[in-house]
C-alpha atoms as a PDB file:
ATOM      1  CA  UNK A   1       0.104   0.103   0.097  1.00  0.00           C
ATOM      2  CA  UNK A   2       2.726   2.382   0.662  1.00  0.00           C
ATOM      3  CA  UNK A   3       4.270   1.970  -2.810  1.00  0.00           C
ATOM      4  CA  UNK A   4       1.144   2.696  -4.481  1.00  0.00           C
ATOM      5  CA  UNK A   5       0.699   6.005  -1.956  1.00  0.00           C
ATOM      6  CA  UNK A   6       4.337   6.849  -2.554  1.00  0.00           C
ATOM      7  CA  UNK A   7       4.048   6.524  -6.529  1.00  0.00           C
ATOM      8  CA  UNK A   8       0.610   8.579  -6.449  1.00  0.00           C
ATOM      9  CA  UNK A   9       2.645  11.342  -4.399  1.00  0.00           C
ATOM     10  CA  UNK A  10       5.522  11.416  -7.135  1.00  0.00           C
ATOM     11  CA  UNK A  11       3.042  11.275 -10.179  1.00  0.00           C
ATOM     12  CA  UNK A  12       1.047  14.235  -8.485  1.00  0.00           C
ATOM     13  CA  UNK A  13       4.446  16.174  -7.933  1.00  0.00           C
ATOM     14  CA  UNK A  14       5.308  15.578 -11.601  1.00  0.00           C
ATOM     15  CA  UNK A  15       1.612  16.722 -12.998  1.00  0.00           C
ATOM     16  CA  UNK A  16       2.282  20.078 -10.813  1.00  0.00           C
ATOM     17  CA  UNK A  17       6.076  20.363 -12.218  1.00  0.00           C
ATOM     18  CA  UNK A  18       5.144  20.287 -15.715  1.00  0.00           C
ATOM     19  CA  UNK A  19       1.872  22.732 -15.245  1.00  0.00           C
ATOM     20  CA  UNK A  20       4.808  25.408 -13.409  1.00  0.00           C
ATOM     21  CA  UNK A  21       7.183  24.884 -16.495  1.00  0.00           C
ATOM     22  CA  UNK A  22       4.663  25.290 -18.865  1.00  0.00           C
ATOM     23  CA  UNK A  23       3.401  28.183 -16.843  1.00  0.00           C
ATOM     24  CA  UNK A  24       6.797  29.954 -15.932  1.00  0.00           C
ATOM     25  CA  UNK A  25       7.231  29.454 -20.340  1.00  0.00           C
ATOM     26  CA  UNK A  26       4.215  31.432 -20.783  1.00  0.00           C
ATOM     27  CA  UNK A  27       4.790  33.981 -18.301  1.00  0.00           C
ATOM     28  CA  UNK A  28       8.542  34.432 -19.928  1.00  0.00           C
ATOM     29  CA  UNK A  29       7.242  34.638 -23.400  1.00  0.00           C
ATOM     30  CA  UNK A  30       4.790  37.126 -22.811  1.00  0.00           C
ATOM     31  CA  UNK A  31       6.363  39.349 -20.151  1.00  0.00           C
ATOM     32  CA  UNK A  32      10.293  38.559 -20.725  1.00  0.00           C
ATOM     33  CA  UNK A  33      13.231  37.135 -18.405  1.00  0.00           C
ATOM     34  CA  UNK A  34      13.735  40.535 -16.591  1.00  0.00           C
ATOM     35  CA  UNK A  35      10.004  40.542 -15.354  1.00  0.00           C
ATOM     36  CA  UNK A  36       9.929  41.082 -11.392  1.00  0.00           C
ATOM     37  CA  UNK A  37       8.136  38.552  -9.236  1.00  0.00           C
ATOM     38  CA  UNK A  38       7.725  38.916  -5.550  1.00  0.00           C
ATOM     39  CA  UNK A  39       5.389  39.940  -3.400  1.00  0.00           C
ATOM     40  CA  UNK A  40       4.049  43.489  -3.372  1.00  0.00           C
ATOM     41  CA  UNK A  41       4.895  45.792  -0.287  1.00  0.00           C
ATOM     42  CA  UNK A  42       6.786  43.269   1.767  1.00  0.00           C
ATOM     43  CA  UNK A  43      10.517  42.720   1.969  1.00  0.00           C
ATOM     44  CA  UNK A  44       9.890  38.332   0.640  1.00  0.00           C
ATOM     45  CA  UNK A  45      10.638  36.563  -2.318  1.00  0.00           C
ATOM     46  CA  UNK A  46       9.453  33.194  -2.829  1.00  0.00           C
ATOM     47  CA  UNK A  47       9.068  32.283   1.128  1.00  0.00           C
ATOM     48  CA  UNK A  48       9.601  28.325   0.142  1.00  0.00           C
ATOM     49  CA  UNK A  49      12.049  28.657  -2.251  1.00  0.00           C
ATOM     50  CA  UNK A  50      14.597  30.920  -0.389  1.00  0.00           C
ATOM     51  CA  UNK A  51      14.011  28.949   3.013  1.00  0.00           C
ATOM     52  CA  UNK A  52      15.051  25.379   1.131  1.00  0.00           C
ATOM     53  CA  UNK A  53      16.809  26.131  -1.608  1.00  0.00           C
ATOM     54  CA  UNK A  54      18.721  30.048  -0.424  1.00  0.00           C
ATOM     55  CA  UNK A  55      17.513  31.233  -4.120  1.00  0.00           C
ATOM     56  CA  UNK A  56      16.257  34.769  -4.025  1.00  0.00           C
ATOM     57  CA  UNK A  57      13.957  35.061  -6.686  1.00  0.00           C
ATOM     58  CA  UNK A  58      12.819  38.483  -7.888  1.00  0.00           C
ATOM     59  CA  UNK A  59      12.465  38.046 -11.171  1.00  0.00           C
ATOM     60  CA  UNK A  60      11.091  35.171 -14.003  1.00  0.00           C
ATOM     61  CA  UNK A  61      14.910  34.168 -14.732  1.00  0.00           C
ATOM     62  CA  UNK A  62      15.236  33.330 -11.134  1.00  0.00           C
ATOM     63  CA  UNK A  63      12.642  30.794 -11.387  1.00  0.00           C
ATOM     64  CA  UNK A  64      14.320  28.898 -14.197  1.00  0.00           C
ATOM     65  CA  UNK A  65      16.847  28.279 -11.712  1.00  0.00           C
ATOM     66  CA  UNK A  66      14.099  27.114  -8.892  1.00  0.00           C
ATOM     67  CA  UNK A  67      12.534  24.577 -11.717  1.00  0.00           C
ATOM     68  CA  UNK A  68      16.158  23.157 -12.686  1.00  0.00           C
ATOM     69  CA  UNK A  69      17.060  22.480  -8.901  1.00  0.00           C
ATOM     70  CA  UNK A  70      13.534  20.571  -8.281  1.00  0.00           C
ATOM     71  CA  UNK A  71      14.013  18.810 -11.812  1.00  0.00           C
ATOM     72  CA  UNK A  72      17.161  17.201 -10.288  1.00  0.00           C
ATOM     73  CA  UNK A  73      15.846  16.069  -7.124  1.00  0.00           C
ATOM     74  CA  UNK A  74      11.915  14.498  -8.919  1.00  0.00           C
ATOM     75  CA  UNK A  75      12.444  11.325  -9.528  1.00  0.00           C
END
């Protein structure tokens, strides 16, 4: 049973990752790599990426680095 649960979790993560890649590609095409990302009126970057990976994401191009790291660890 646990193998089935883990397989389902991995498939779900792969689906979310694919969706993130497609969304980023569309955003890059529409707005360009220098488009700023963040939380307006705060000092935050993308909190989980910053806390877990130490990567500050201030522009769309920075998100490519985050997705590349995720690609490496996703089975």
